[in-house]
Amino acid sequence: LVSDAGMPGICDPGEELVKRARQEGHDVVCIPGPCAAITALVSSGLPSSKFIFEGFLPKKKVEREKILFEISKNTKTTIIYESPHRINKLLKELKKYCGGSRKIVIARELTKKFEEHITHNIDEVIKLFEDKEPKGELTILLEGIENNKNINLDKIELKKELHDLVSVGL
């Protein structure tokens, strides 16, 4: 399996090919090439010592909302893959769950001629994509929240958080 578009086997049908080859008793040797998730992470400027890779988010609403809620509370950098025709929906969801001020990096066409890195907060990226639809598969990196151990508890915020948890089935 050879690909010029990322690392086969990571959020890719190549995973099934490798699985089947191993089931048939064949050896599988990986010669690493570019992996969009790691390439984007290293060049993003976001914390890279600990991160979570989500790949493409599920399409089913309940599963998707559960993951978005988990992402919103995550202190680690989160990596998500998305296609250009669904990026606006994802950005609006990220704003709803994470707020518009969260730092985000969108990387596309990595290691290719038209490589691009867009670094702003979620609100600014939403504005940018109102007039411009990106091309190519996108790698989204979302900065984690600060791990603040001296949190002042706000009853209204706690009720909202409880409501959010219940609404996603937790």
Foldseek 3Di string as FASTA:
>chain_A
DDDPAAADCQLHCSVVVVVVCVVVPHDDDDDDDHHVQVLCLVPVPADDPDEAEDEAQDPDPLSNLVVLLVQQQFQHKYKYKDALVCVLVVLVSNCVRNNQQWWKWKWFPPPHDPTDIDIGTSVVVNVVCVVPGDHGMIMMITHGDDPDPPDDDDVVVVVVSVVSCVVSPD
